[in-house]
Amino acid sequence: MSTLLRRSAVEVRAPFGFVIAAIASLCVAAPSADAQVAFSTGFEAPAYALGPIAAQNAWSVFNPASSFNLVQSSIVKSGTQALAVTPNGTLQSGAFHSDSPVGPLVALSVDMYLGSSSTQSAWQFAGLGGPGLSPFIGGIDISATNAIQLISASFPVVGTSFTRNVWHHLDFLFNFTAQTYSFVFDGSTLSTVTPFCRDNGPCTSATPALAYGNTFFDVFASVNANDIGVIDNLSISTVSIVPEPASVALVGAGLALLMMTGRLTRRTRE
């Protein structure tokens, strides 16, 4: 049936469709995010003591090297303490925290600093499933030459380099329903629908990543590497989408109009 015939057949009911469409558009067009924090830390005292991060507040280290993963006070974004990781020979090494935020949307944010040096390392910051460090969900790799790659199939390079010796802010939003994530770097959106990695290798697994399990900051050290990586102000949250208060009020007004229109239509038929 054509649009013209449908309108002609239900002429007195047209306001119903109009109001319903308006209500739907209000619900979709003006949502806001409500975040429930699952874990956050600035690595501050007294919750954290200076020294090895291992066993402090559910933190563990990968390739056990406690002396290379330290709460320190020399390089910080805010407060007086932050977590520093340094190269451990040629081993991949780092610190990870076990978390269990409830999806399907999980937000991860952190402040990160990488120091420059004569022999720089490649670094990684990522969200993983669990239990254990498998599979990778998503995140970034930072090369020794400061290129930023998304942890996803083919490891695409984003258009911004990671400047060393300054702090950067990283935001990720993992969508477990869509199996994709977004990445915002210093307030600029660099990706929006990057597929989850879903394995610990080429990121080509078809098996969905079902839950968030760990946050991992680590270094791929090279021979004689002498740089440093630091993170501060880490936060993991469950995100829900809710209408803005103004939208709720408009929806209420729309429903009232819908009811009034219904009464007017019934009177027309009497």
C-alpha atoms as a PDB file:
ATOM      1  CA  MET A   1       0.000   0.000   0.000  1.00  0.00           C
ATOM      2  CA  SER A   2       1.303   3.436  -0.918  1.00  0.00           C
ATOM      3  CA  THR A   3       1.954   6.122   1.682  1.00  0.00           C
ATOM      4  CA  LEU A   4      -0.835   8.252   0.213  1.00  0.00           C
ATOM      5  CA  LEU A   5      -3.430   5.466   0.531  1.00  0.00           C
ATOM      6  CA  ARG A   6      -2.315   4.663   4.103  1.00  0.00           C
ATOM      7  CA  ARG A   7      -2.710   8.306   5.134  1.00  0.00           C
ATOM      8  CA  SER A   8      -6.125   8.545   3.471  1.00  0.00           C
ATOM      9  CA  ALA A   9      -7.392   5.394   5.177  1.00  0.00           C
ATOM     10  CA  VAL A  10      -6.460   6.530   8.699  1.00  0.00           C
ATOM     11  CA  GLU A  11      -6.761  10.284   8.418  1.00  0.00           C
ATOM     12  CA  VAL A  12      -8.144  10.819  11.957  1.00  0.00           C
ATOM     13  CA  ARG A  13      -5.467   8.535  13.455  1.00  0.00           C
ATOM     14  CA  ALA A  14      -2.462  10.323  11.954  1.00  0.00           C
ATOM     15  CA  PRO A  15      -1.512  12.085  15.208  1.00  0.00           C
ATOM     16  CA  PHE A  16      -0.912   8.675  16.832  1.00  0.00           C
ATOM     17  CA  GLY A  17       1.843   7.812  14.365  1.00  0.00           C
ATOM     18  CA  PHE A  18       3.335  11.273  14.640  1.00  0.00           C
ATOM     19  CA  VAL A  19       3.543  11.161  18.427  1.00  0.00           C
ATOM     20  CA  ILE A  20       4.927   7.632  18.508  1.00  0.00           C
ATOM     21  CA  ALA A  21       7.634   8.625  16.021  1.00  0.00           C
ATOM     22  CA  ALA A  22       8.470  11.690  18.110  1.00  0.00           C
ATOM     23  CA  ILE A  23       8.753   9.602  21.266  1.00  0.00           C
ATOM     24  CA  ALA A  24      11.045   7.127  19.537  1.00  0.00           C
ATOM     25  CA  SER A  25      13.261   9.893  18.200  1.00  0.00           C
ATOM     26  CA  LEU A  26      13.560  11.465  21.634  1.00  0.00           C
ATOM     27  CA  CYS A  27      14.619   8.204  23.223  1.00  0.00           C
ATOM     28  CA  VAL A  28      17.257   7.600  20.577  1.00  0.00           C
ATOM     29  CA  ALA A  29      18.543  11.096  19.925  1.00  0.00           C
ATOM     30  CA  ALA A  30      19.371  12.243  23.425  1.00  0.00           C
ATOM     31  CA  PRO A  31      20.851   9.440  25.512  1.00  0.00           C
ATOM     32  CA  SER A  32      23.485   9.855  28.201  1.00  0.00           C
ATOM     33  CA  ALA A  33      25.881   7.394  29.757  1.00  0.00           C
ATOM     34  CA  ASP A  34      25.547   6.272  33.353  1.00  0.00           C
ATOM     35  CA  ALA A  35      28.810   4.677  34.541  1.00  0.00           C
ATOM     36  CA  GLN A  36      29.079   2.396  37.547  1.00  0.00           C
ATOM     37  CA  VAL A  37      32.730   2.220  38.598  1.00  0.00           C
ATOM     38  CA  ALA A  38      33.971  -1.347  39.095  1.00  0.00           C
ATOM     39  CA  PHE A  39      37.534  -0.370  39.986  1.00  0.00           C
ATOM     40  CA  SER A  40      39.558   2.833  40.061  1.00  0.00           C
ATOM     41  CA  THR A  41      42.883   3.841  41.517  1.00  0.00           C
ATOM     42  CA  GLY A  42      45.464   6.591  41.548  1.00  0.00           C
ATOM     43  CA  PHE A  43      47.942   4.272  43.309  1.00  0.00           C
ATOM     44  CA  GLU A  44      47.922   6.543  46.338  1.00  0.00           C
ATOM     45  CA  ALA A  45      48.868   5.865  49.948  1.00  0.00           C
ATOM     46  CA  PRO A  46      47.706   4.393  52.250  1.00  0.00           C
ATOM     47  CA  ALA A  47      46.021   1.911  49.873  1.00  0.00           C
ATOM     48  CA  TYR A  48      49.331   1.490  48.040  1.00  0.00           C
ATOM     49  CA  ALA A  49      52.825   1.417  49.479  1.00  0.00           C
ATOM     50  CA  LEU A  50      55.913   2.414  47.544  1.00  0.00           C
ATOM     51  CA  GLY A  51      57.628  -0.641  46.079  1.00  0.00           C
ATOM     52  CA  PRO A  52      56.569  -3.776  44.168  1.00  0.00           C
ATOM     53  CA  ILE A  53      52.966  -3.697  42.932  1.00  0.00           C
ATOM     54  CA  ALA A  54      52.612  -7.495  43.135  1.00  0.00           C
ATOM     55  CA  ALA A  55      49.958  -8.552  45.675  1.00  0.00           C
ATOM     56  CA  GLN A  56      48.863  -4.995  46.360  1.00  0.00           C
ATOM     57  CA  ASN A  57      45.088  -4.618  45.874  1.00  0.00           C
ATOM     58  CA  ALA A  58      44.689  -7.607  43.519  1.00  0.00           C
ATOM     59  CA  TRP A  59      47.600  -6.634  41.244  1.00  0.00           C
ATOM     60  CA  SER A  60      49.822  -9.329  39.756  1.00  0.00           C
ATOM     61  CA  VAL A  61      52.896  -9.262  37.533  1.00  0.00           C
ATOM     62  CA  PHE A  62      53.558 -11.083  34.284  1.00  0.00           C
ATOM     63  CA  ASN A  63      56.916 -12.870  33.972  1.00  0.00           C
ATOM     64  CA  PRO A  64      57.513 -12.410  37.700  1.00  0.00           C
ATOM     65  CA  ALA A  65      59.804  -9.457  38.120  1.00  0.00           C
ATOM     66  CA  SER A  66      58.531  -7.462  41.057  1.00  0.00           C
ATOM     67  CA  SER A  67      61.457  -5.064  40.965  1.00  0.00           C
ATOM     68  CA  PHE A  68      60.439  -3.992  37.438  1.00  0.00           C
ATOM     69  CA  ASN A  69      56.824  -3.161  38.349  1.00  0.00           C
ATOM     70  CA  LEU A  70      56.816  -0.568  41.108  1.00  0.00           C
ATOM     71  CA  VAL A  71      54.601   1.963  42.812  1.00  0.00           C
ATOM     72  CA  GLN A  72      56.819   5.050  42.741  1.00  0.00           C
ATOM     73  CA  SER A  73      56.665   8.782  43.394  1.00  0.00           C
ATOM     74  CA  SER A  74      59.077  10.214  40.820  1.00  0.00           C
ATOM     75  CA  ILE A  75      56.762  10.393  37.771  1.00  0.00           C
ATOM     76  CA  VAL A  76      53.077  11.025  38.510  1.00  0.00           C
ATOM     77  CA  LYS A  77      50.108  12.567  36.731  1.00  0.00           C
ATOM     78  CA  SER A  78      48.261  13.595  39.892  1.00  0.00           C
ATOM     79  CA  GLY A  79      48.647  12.937  43.591  1.00  0.00           C
ATOM     80  CA  THR A  80      51.981  11.600  44.775  1.00  0.00           C
ATOM     81  CA  GLN A  81      52.205   8.022  43.415  1.00  0.00           C
ATOM     82  CA  ALA A  82      51.793   6.071  40.166  1.00  0.00           C
ATOM     83  CA  LEU A  83      52.665   2.642  38.741  1.00  0.00           C
ATOM     84  CA  ALA A  84      55.912   2.345  36.768  1.00  0.00           C
ATOM     85  CA  VAL A  85      57.010  -0.562  34.559  1.00  0.00           C
ATOM     86  CA  THR A  86      60.586  -0.892  33.304  1.00  0.00           C
ATOM     87  CA  PRO A  87      62.136  -3.355  30.812  1.00  0.00           C
ATOM     88  CA  ASN A  88      63.241  -6.707  32.221  1.00  0.00           C
ATOM     89  CA  GLY A  89      65.970  -7.938  29.930  1.00  0.00           C
ATOM     90  CA  THR A  90      64.300  -9.014  26.702  1.00  0.00           C
ATOM     91  CA  LEU A  91      61.191 -10.433  28.370  1.00  0.00           C
ATOM     92  CA  GLN A  92      57.650  -9.213  27.942  1.00  0.00           C
ATOM     93  CA  SER A  93      56.823  -8.026  31.450  1.00  0.00           C
ATOM     94  CA  GLY A  94      54.166  -5.953  33.140  1.00  0.00           C
ATOM     95  CA  ALA A  95      51.421  -5.636  35.704  1.00  0.00           C
ATOM     96  CA  PHE A  96      47.761  -6.614  35.479  1.00  0.00           C
ATOM     97  CA  HIS A  97      44.668  -6.196  37.626  1.00  0.00           C
ATOM     98  CA  SER A  98      41.750  -8.628  37.780  1.00  0.00           C
ATOM     99  CA  ASP A  99      38.331  -7.033  37.311  1.00  0.00           C
ATOM    100  CA  SER A 100      34.789  -8.184  36.643  1.00  0.00           C
ATOM    101  CA  PRO A 101      32.610  -5.286  35.473  1.00  0.00           C
ATOM    102  CA  VAL A 102      29.244  -6.363  34.103  1.00  0.00           C
ATOM    103  CA  GLY A 103      28.753  -5.588  30.388  1.00  0.00           C
ATOM    104  CA  PRO A 104      27.634  -5.294  27.729  1.00  0.00           C
ATOM    105  CA  LEU A 105      29.409  -1.894  27.744  1.00  0.00           C
ATOM    106  CA  VAL A 106      32.662  -1.527  29.697  1.00  0.00           C
ATOM    107  CA  ALA A 107      34.669   1.700  29.822  1.00  0.00           C
ATOM    108  CA  LEU A 108      38.408   1.724  30.504  1.00  0.00           C
ATOM    109  CA  SER A 109      40.447   4.896  31.025  1.00  0.00           C
ATOM    110  CA  VAL A 110      43.998   5.691  32.122  1.00  0.00           C
ATOM    111  CA  ASP A 111      46.687   8.358  32.070  1.00  0.00           C
ATOM    112  CA  MET A 112      49.920   7.075  30.510  1.00  0.00           C
ATOM    113  CA  TYR A 113      53.489   8.333  30.280  1.00  0.00           C
ATOM    114  CA  LEU A 114      56.340   6.792  28.303  1.00  0.00           C
ATOM    115  CA  GLY A 115      59.838   8.102  28.802  1.00  0.00           C
ATOM    116  CA  SER A 116      62.213   8.495  25.887  1.00  0.00           C
ATOM    117  CA  SER A 117      65.636   6.858  25.985  1.00  0.00           C
ATOM    118  CA  SER A 118      68.582   5.800  23.872  1.00  0.00           C
ATOM    119  CA  THR A 119      67.038   2.328  23.415  1.00  0.00           C
ATOM    120  CA  GLN A 120      63.243   2.419  23.491  1.00  0.00           C
ATOM    121  CA  SER A 121      60.813  -0.468  23.934  1.00  0.00           C
ATOM    122  CA  ALA A 122      57.420  -1.311  22.511  1.00  0.00           C
ATOM    123  CA  TRP A 123      54.544  -1.038  25.011  1.00  0.00           C
ATOM    124  CA  GLN A 124      51.020  -2.358  25.384  1.00  0.00           C
ATOM    125  CA  PHE A 125      47.882  -1.350  27.279  1.00  0.00           C
ATOM    126  CA  ALA A 126      44.878  -3.619  26.934  1.00  0.00           C
ATOM    127  CA  GLY A 127      41.694  -5.102  28.294  1.00  0.00           C
ATOM    128  CA  LEU A 128      41.538  -8.904  28.384  1.00  0.00           C
ATOM    129  CA  GLY A 129      39.017 -11.610  29.105  1.00  0.00           C
ATOM    130  CA  GLY A 130      39.486 -14.037  31.907  1.00  0.00           C
ATOM    131  CA  PRO A 131      40.220 -15.789  34.042  1.00  0.00           C
ATOM    132  CA  GLY A 132      43.879 -15.529  33.144  1.00  0.00           C
ATOM    133  CA  LEU A 133      45.464 -13.316  30.513  1.00  0.00           C
ATOM    134  CA  SER A 134      43.392 -14.638  27.620  1.00  0.00           C
ATOM    135  CA  PRO A 135      41.905 -13.626  25.274  1.00  0.00           C
ATOM    136  CA  PHE A 136      42.811 -10.044  24.415  1.00  0.00           C
ATOM    137  CA  ILE A 137      39.692  -7.931  23.935  1.00  0.00           C
ATOM    138  CA  GLY A 138      41.293  -4.749  22.652  1.00  0.00           C
ATOM    139  CA  GLY A 139      43.676  -1.923  23.410  1.00  0.00           C
ATOM    140  CA  ILE A 140      46.786  -0.410  21.872  1.00  0.00           C
ATOM    141  CA  ASP A 141      50.386  -1.290  21.097  1.00  0.00           C
ATOM    142  CA  ILE A 142      52.959   1.510  21.012  1.00  0.00           C
ATOM    143  CA  SER A 143      56.058   0.762  18.963  1.00  0.00           C
ATOM    144  CA  ALA A 144      59.624   1.716  19.832  1.00  0.00           C
ATOM    145  CA  THR A 145      59.219   4.471  17.219  1.00  0.00           C
ATOM    146  CA  ASN A 146      55.964   5.668  18.877  1.00  0.00           C
ATOM    147  CA  ALA A 147      53.408   4.439  16.322  1.00  0.00           C
ATOM    148  CA  ILE A 148      50.048   3.565  17.910  1.00  0.00           C
ATOM    149  CA  GLN A 149      48.419   0.339  16.715  1.00  0.00           C
ATOM    150  CA  LEU A 150      44.988  -0.948  17.642  1.00  0.00           C
ATOM    151  CA  ILE A 151      44.933  -4.480  19.049  1.00  0.00           C
ATOM    152  CA  SER A 152      42.714  -5.996  16.384  1.00  0.00           C
ATOM    153  CA  ALA A 153      43.133  -8.039  13.204  1.00  0.00           C
ATOM    154  CA  SER A 154      45.964  -6.574  11.069  1.00  0.00           C
ATOM    155  CA  PHE A 155      46.828  -4.207  13.975  1.00  0.00           C
ATOM    156  CA  PRO A 156      45.888  -0.978  12.182  1.00  0.00           C
ATOM    157  CA  VAL A 157      47.977   2.119  12.858  1.00  0.00           C
ATOM    158  CA  VAL A 158      46.039   5.190  13.955  1.00  0.00           C
ATOM    159  CA  GLY A 159      46.932   8.624  12.672  1.00  0.00           C
ATOM    160  CA  THR A 160      48.556   9.962  15.827  1.00  0.00           C
ATOM    161  CA  SER A 161      51.975   9.186  17.283  1.00  0.00           C
ATOM    162  CA  PHE A 162      52.585   8.717  20.994  1.00  0.00           C
ATOM    163  CA  THR A 163      54.745  11.633  22.138  1.00  0.00           C
ATOM    164  CA  ARG A 164      57.123  10.591  24.877  1.00  0.00           C
ATOM    165  CA  ASN A 165      57.953  12.476  28.078  1.00  0.00           C
ATOM    166  CA  VAL A 166      54.414  13.876  28.373  1.00  0.00           C
ATOM    167  CA  TRP A 167      51.211  12.451  29.846  1.00  0.00           C
ATOM    168  CA  HIS A 168      48.408  11.230  27.588  1.00  0.00           C
ATOM    169  CA  HIS A 169      44.831  10.245  28.435  1.00  0.00           C
ATOM    170  CA  LEU A 170      43.382   7.057  26.915  1.00  0.00           C
ATOM    171  CA  ASP A 171      39.695   6.061  26.837  1.00  0.00           C
ATOM    172  CA  PHE A 172      38.244   2.799  25.544  1.00  0.00           C
ATOM    173  CA  LEU A 173      34.626   1.646  25.342  1.00  0.00           C
ATOM    174  CA  PHE A 174      34.219  -2.102  24.838  1.00  0.00           C
ATOM    175  CA  ASN A 175      30.895  -3.279  23.396  1.00  0.00           C
ATOM    176  CA  PHE A 176      30.474  -6.974  24.152  1.00  0.00           C
ATOM    177  CA  THR A 177      27.238  -7.183  22.160  1.00  0.00           C
ATOM    178  CA  ALA A 178      28.768  -5.814  18.960  1.00  0.00           C
ATOM    179  CA  GLN A 179      32.241  -7.254  19.737  1.00  0.00           C
ATOM    180  CA  THR A 180      33.805  -3.905  18.881  1.00  0.00           C
ATOM    181  CA  TYR A 181      35.473  -1.070  20.761  1.00  0.00           C
ATOM    182  CA  SER A 182      36.194   2.635  20.423  1.00  0.00           C
ATOM    183  CA  PHE A 183      39.403   4.458  21.293  1.00  0.00           C
ATOM    184  CA  VAL A 184      39.786   8.114  22.268  1.00  0.00           C
ATOM    185  CA  PHE A 185      43.281   9.595  22.623  1.00  0.00           C
ATOM    186  CA  ASP A 186      43.689  12.928  24.416  1.00  0.00           C
ATOM    187  CA  GLY A 187      40.050  13.729  23.650  1.00  0.00           C
ATOM    188  CA  SER A 188      40.230  12.828  19.942  1.00  0.00           C
ATOM    189  CA  THR A 189      38.305   9.801  18.696  1.00  0.00           C
ATOM    190  CA  LEU A 190      40.676   7.586  16.701  1.00  0.00           C
ATOM    191  CA  SER A 191      38.416   4.540  16.229  1.00  0.00           C
ATOM    192  CA  THR A 192      34.761   3.714  16.791  1.00  0.00           C
ATOM    193  CA  VAL A 193      33.977   0.153  15.653  1.00  0.00           C
ATOM    194  CA  THR A 194      37.282  -1.707  15.910  1.00  0.00           C
ATOM    195  CA  PRO A 195      36.646  -5.482  16.124  1.00  0.00           C
ATOM    196  CA  PHE A 196      37.691  -7.256  19.313  1.00  0.00           C
ATOM    197  CA  CYS A 197      40.949  -9.201  19.078  1.00  0.00           C
ATOM    198  CA  ARG A 198      39.428 -12.341  20.715  1.00  0.00           C
ATOM    199  CA  ASP A 199      42.703 -14.307  20.918  1.00  0.00           C
ATOM    200  CA  ASN A 200      46.305 -13.833  22.000  1.00  0.00           C
ATOM    201  CA  GLY A 201      47.825 -14.037  18.546  1.00  0.00           C
ATOM    202  CA  PRO A 202      46.717 -12.674  15.174  1.00  0.00           C
ATOM    203  CA  CYS A 203      43.324 -11.423  16.463  1.00  0.00           C
ATOM    204  CA  THR A 204      41.383 -13.479  13.938  1.00  0.00           C
ATOM    205  CA  SER A 205      39.439 -15.809  16.235  1.00  0.00           C
ATOM    206  CA  ALA A 206      35.714 -16.110  15.592  1.00  0.00           C
ATOM    207  CA  THR A 207      35.028 -17.007  19.238  1.00  0.00           C
ATOM    208  CA  PRO A 208      33.351 -14.051  20.989  1.00  0.00           C
ATOM    209  CA  ALA A 209      34.974 -12.464  24.023  1.00  0.00           C
ATOM    210  CA  LEU A 210      32.193 -12.742  26.583  1.00  0.00           C
ATOM    211  CA  ALA A 211      33.432 -10.795  29.591  1.00  0.00           C
ATOM    212  CA  TYR A 212      36.020  -8.347  30.832  1.00  0.00           C
ATOM    213  CA  GLY A 213      38.622  -9.950  33.096  1.00  0.00           C
ATOM    214  CA  ASN A 214      41.925  -8.063  33.319  1.00  0.00           C
ATOM    215  CA  THR A 215      43.606  -4.736  32.673  1.00  0.00           C
ATOM    216  CA  PHE A 216      47.206  -5.161  31.471  1.00  0.00           C
ATOM    217  CA  PHE A 217      50.094  -2.683  31.095  1.00  0.00           C
ATOM    218  CA  ASP A 218      53.299  -4.243  29.811  1.00  0.00           C
ATOM    219  CA  VAL A 219      56.526  -3.766  27.887  1.00  0.00           C
ATOM    220  CA  PHE A 220      58.095  -5.711  25.009  1.00  0.00           C
ATOM    221  CA  ALA A 221      61.702  -5.082  25.962  1.00  0.00           C
ATOM    222  CA  SER A 222      64.539  -5.113  23.463  1.00  0.00           C
ATOM    223  CA  VAL A 223      68.237  -5.671  24.160  1.00  0.00           C
ATOM    224  CA  ASN A 224      69.608  -2.908  26.390  1.00  0.00           C
ATOM    225  CA  ALA A 225      66.240  -1.155  26.567  1.00  0.00           C
ATOM    226  CA  ASN A 226      66.347   1.614  29.148  1.00  0.00           C
ATOM    227  CA  ASP A 227      63.033   3.448  28.938  1.00  0.00           C
ATOM    228  CA  ILE A 228      60.140   3.545  31.411  1.00  0.00           C
ATOM    229  CA  GLY A 229      56.337   3.439  31.277  1.00  0.00           C
ATOM    230  CA  VAL A 230      53.995   4.860  33.909  1.00  0.00           C
ATOM    231  CA  ILE A 231      50.216   4.746  34.378  1.00  0.00           C
ATOM    232  CA  ASP A 232      48.025   6.732  36.757  1.00  0.00           C
ATOM    233  CA  ASN A 233      44.307   7.326  37.384  1.00  0.00           C
ATOM    234  CA  LEU A 234      43.082   3.966  36.107  1.00  0.00           C
ATOM    235  CA  SER A 235      39.325   3.367  35.961  1.00  0.00           C
ATOM    236  CA  ILE A 236      37.109   0.478  34.797  1.00  0.00           C
ATOM    237  CA  SER A 237      33.334   1.014  34.679  1.00  0.00           C
ATOM    238  CA  THR A 238      30.109  -0.617  33.576  1.00  0.00           C
ATOM    239  CA  VAL A 239      28.202   1.783  31.302  1.00  0.00           C
ATOM    240  CA  SER A 240      24.464   1.926  30.762  1.00  0.00           C
ATOM    241  CA  ILE A 241      22.644   4.231  28.349  1.00  0.00           C
ATOM    242  CA  VAL A 242      19.791   6.244  29.831  1.00  0.00           C
ATOM    243  CA  PRO A 243      17.616   9.068  28.427  1.00  0.00           C
ATOM    244  CA  GLU A 244      18.487  12.610  29.436  1.00  0.00           C
ATOM    245  CA  PRO A 245      16.060  14.104  32.020  1.00  0.00           C
ATOM    246  CA  ALA A 246      14.881  16.589  29.418  1.00  0.00           C
ATOM    247  CA  SER A 247      14.094  13.723  27.068  1.00  0.00           C
ATOM    248  CA  VAL A 248      12.145  11.906  29.765  1.00  0.00           C
ATOM    249  CA  ALA A 249      10.039  15.022  30.298  1.00  0.00           C
ATOM    250  CA  LEU A 250       9.409  15.357  26.562  1.00  0.00           C
ATOM    251  CA  VAL A 251       8.489  11.691  26.322  1.00  0.00           C
ATOM    252  CA  GLY A 252       6.003  12.230  29.146  1.00  0.00           C
ATOM    253  CA  ALA A 253       4.517  15.166  27.293  1.00  0.00           C
ATOM    254  CA  GLY A 254       4.299  13.050  24.160  1.00  0.00           C
ATOM    255  CA  LEU A 255       2.466  10.296  26.004  1.00  0.00           C
ATOM    256  CA  ALA A 256       0.029  12.832  27.397  1.00  0.00           C
ATOM    257  CA  LEU A 257      -0.582  14.126  23.881  1.00  0.00           C
ATOM    258  CA  LEU A 258      -1.057  10.568  22.688  1.00  0.00           C
ATOM    259  CA  MET A 259      -3.730   9.937  25.320  1.00  0.00           C
ATOM    260  CA  MET A 260      -5.479  13.225  24.548  1.00  0.00           C
ATOM    261  CA  THR A 261      -5.421  12.466  20.822  1.00  0.00           C
ATOM    262  CA  GLY A 262      -6.942   9.074  21.531  1.00  0.00           C
ATOM    263  CA  ARG A 263      -9.797  10.688  23.423  1.00  0.00           C
ATOM    264  CA  LEU A 264     -10.386  13.162  20.592  1.00  0.00           C
ATOM    265  CA  THR A 265     -10.447  10.345  18.055  1.00  0.00           C
ATOM    266  CA  ARG A 266     -12.990   8.373  20.053  1.00  0.00           C
ATOM    267  CA  ARG A 267     -15.199  11.457  20.316  1.00  0.00           C
ATOM    268  CA  THR A 268     -15.067  11.919  16.545  1.00  0.00           C
ATOM    269  CA  ARG A 269     -16.364   8.396  16.089  1.00  0.00           C
ATOM    270  CA  GLU A 270     -19.220   8.728  18.608  1.00  0.00           C
END
